[in-house]
Amino acid sequence: QLQASGGGLVQAGGSLRLSCAASGLTFSDAGMGWFRQAPGKEREIVARLSRNGGSTYDLDSVKGRFTISRDNAKNTVYLQMNSLKPEDTAVYYCAATRASSVVYYYWGQGTQVTVSS
């Protein structure tokens, strides 16, 4: 299971750190990802972190502002979001792959991020 937290309401230019605590899976073997879905839009992938620690930022709009990281000792993945913009408003989901897979199999419940202008 994945439990996401850390969302909230923040003014433009502010920061939030999302956390996603994993249980019931071998966290160190899982690839982790953060996705988001804005109202009326498709879910999109924001950033990924491989089991080896390599990060990929799939949205150009978040590069340089968001940082994905993981703490294998705590079975937790983070998304540090700085310089937030109103267009970052969305429900953010964390997801995990199974070992030796690239398919996201486990999903968290989502946490709302709202950025006011």
Protein backbone atom coordinates (compact mmCIF):
# COMPACT_ATOMS: atom_id res chain seq x y z
CA GLN A 1 0.00 0.00 0.00
CA LEU A 2 1.02 3.58 -0.61
CA GLN A 3 -0.03 6.47 1.61
CA ALA A 4 0.51 9.95 0.22
CA SER A 5 0.50 13.06 2.36
CA GLY A 6 1.75 16.64 2.43
CA GLY A 7 -0.66 18.35 0.09
CA GLY A 8 -2.41 21.57 0.92
CA LEU A 9 -3.13 25.14 -0.05
CA VAL A 10 -0.16 27.38 -0.78
CA GLN A 11 0.37 30.72 -2.45
CA ALA A 12 2.19 30.98 -5.73
CA GLY A 13 5.92 30.92 -5.15
CA GLY A 14 5.58 28.75 -2.08
CA SER A 15 6.78 25.23 -1.41
CA LEU A 16 5.35 21.90 -0.37
CA ARG A 17 6.89 18.52 0.23
CA LEU A 18 4.82 15.48 -0.58
CA SER A 19 5.57 12.17 1.09
CA CYS A 20 4.52 8.68 0.13
CA ALA A 21 4.99 5.89 2.64
CA ALA A 22 5.04 2.36 1.27
CA SER A 23 4.15 -0.89 2.97
CA GLY A 24 3.63 -4.43 1.84
CA LEU A 25 6.17 -4.28 -0.96
CA THR A 26 9.91 -4.53 -1.28
CA PHE A 27 10.44 -0.79 -1.48
CA SER A 28 14.12 -0.90 -2.39
CA ASP A 29 13.28 -2.98 -5.48
CA ALA A 30 10.48 -0.70 -6.66
CA GLY A 31 10.60 2.11 -9.13
CA MET A 32 8.67 5.08 -7.77
CA GLY A 33 6.77 7.82 -9.51
CA TRP A 34 4.69 10.89 -8.85
CA PHE A 35 1.74 11.64 -11.10
CA ARG A 36 -0.80 14.42 -11.06
CA GLN A 37 -4.26 15.02 -12.39
CA ALA A 38 -5.78 18.46 -12.72
CA PRO A 39 -9.55 18.93 -13.04
CA GLY A 40 -10.74 18.01 -16.50
CA LYS A 41 -7.33 16.76 -17.57
CA GLU A 42 -5.65 13.43 -18.02
CA ARG A 43 -3.34 12.06 -15.38
CA GLU A 44 0.26 12.87 -16.24
CA ILE A 45 3.54 11.66 -14.89
CA VAL A 46 5.58 14.28 -13.10
CA ALA A 47 8.77 12.53 -12.03
CA ARG A 48 10.21 9.07 -11.67
CA LEU A 49 12.89 7.52 -9.52
CA SER A 50 14.43 4.19 -10.42
CA ARG A 51 15.30 1.53 -7.89
CA ASN A 52 18.91 2.56 -8.41
CA GLY A 53 18.18 6.19 -7.60
CA GLY A 54 18.18 7.65 -11.09
CA SER A 55 15.62 10.43 -11.47
CA THR A 56 13.65 11.55 -14.51
CA TYR A 57 11.47 14.63 -14.72
CA ASP A 58 8.88 14.04 -17.37
CA LEU A 59 7.36 17.51 -17.35
CA ASP A 60 9.50 20.36 -18.60
CA SER A 61 7.42 22.71 -16.50
CA VAL A 62 8.67 21.19 -13.23
CA LYS A 63 12.34 20.87 -14.08
CA GLY A 64 14.42 22.96 -11.73
CA ARG A 65 11.49 23.37 -9.33
CA PHE A 66 10.58 19.83 -8.24
CA THR A 67 12.88 17.21 -6.77
CA ILE A 68 12.03 13.55 -6.32
CA SER A 69 13.93 11.52 -3.75
CA ARG A 70 13.62 8.36 -1.72
CA ASP A 71 14.63 7.08 1.69
CA ASN A 72 14.80 3.30 1.52
CA ALA A 73 15.29 3.09 5.29
CA LYS A 74 11.91 4.74 5.76
CA ASN A 75 10.20 3.16 2.72
CA THR A 76 9.26 6.65 1.65
CA VAL A 77 9.47 8.67 -1.54
CA TYR A 78 9.28 12.46 -1.55
CA LEU A 79 8.45 15.19 -4.00
CA GLN A 80 9.85 18.56 -3.00
CA MET A 81 7.98 21.26 -4.87
CA ASN A 82 9.37 24.78 -4.92
CA SER A 83 8.31 27.97 -6.71
CA LEU A 84 4.82 26.58 -7.07
CA LYS A 85 2.53 27.99 -9.73
CA PRO A 86 -1.26 27.94 -10.03
CA GLU A 87 -0.91 25.51 -12.92
CA ASP A 88 0.62 22.99 -10.51
CA THR A 89 -2.80 22.66 -8.87
CA ALA A 90 -3.83 19.01 -9.07
CA VAL A 91 -4.30 15.83 -7.14
CA TYR A 92 -0.89 14.23 -6.81
CA TYR A 93 -0.53 10.46 -6.74
CA CYS A 94 2.44 8.30 -5.93
CA ALA A 95 2.93 4.95 -7.58
CA ALA A 96 5.31 2.03 -7.38
CA THR A 97 6.38 -0.71 -9.72
CA ARG A 98 6.88 -4.31 -8.85
CA ALA A 99 10.44 -5.54 -8.75
CA SER A 100 11.97 -6.01 -12.21
CA SER A 101 9.03 -4.21 -13.82
CA VAL A 102 8.46 -0.78 -15.29
CA VAL A 103 4.69 -0.92 -14.91
CA TYR A 104 3.23 1.06 -12.03
CA TYR A 105 1.23 -1.52 -10.11
CA TYR A 106 0.70 0.10 -6.71
CA TRP A 107 -1.06 3.45 -6.35
CA GLY A 108 -1.60 5.82 -3.48
CA GLN A 109 -4.87 7.57 -2.77
CA GLY A 110 -3.78 11.03 -3.92
CA THR A 111 -3.18 14.27 -2.11
CA GLN A 112 -4.60 17.62 -3.20
CA VAL A 113 -2.25 20.47 -3.99
CA THR A 114 -3.83 23.85 -4.56
CA VAL A 115 -1.74 26.86 -5.52
CA SER A 116 -3.42 30.24 -5.30
CA SER A 117 -2.37 33.21 -7.39
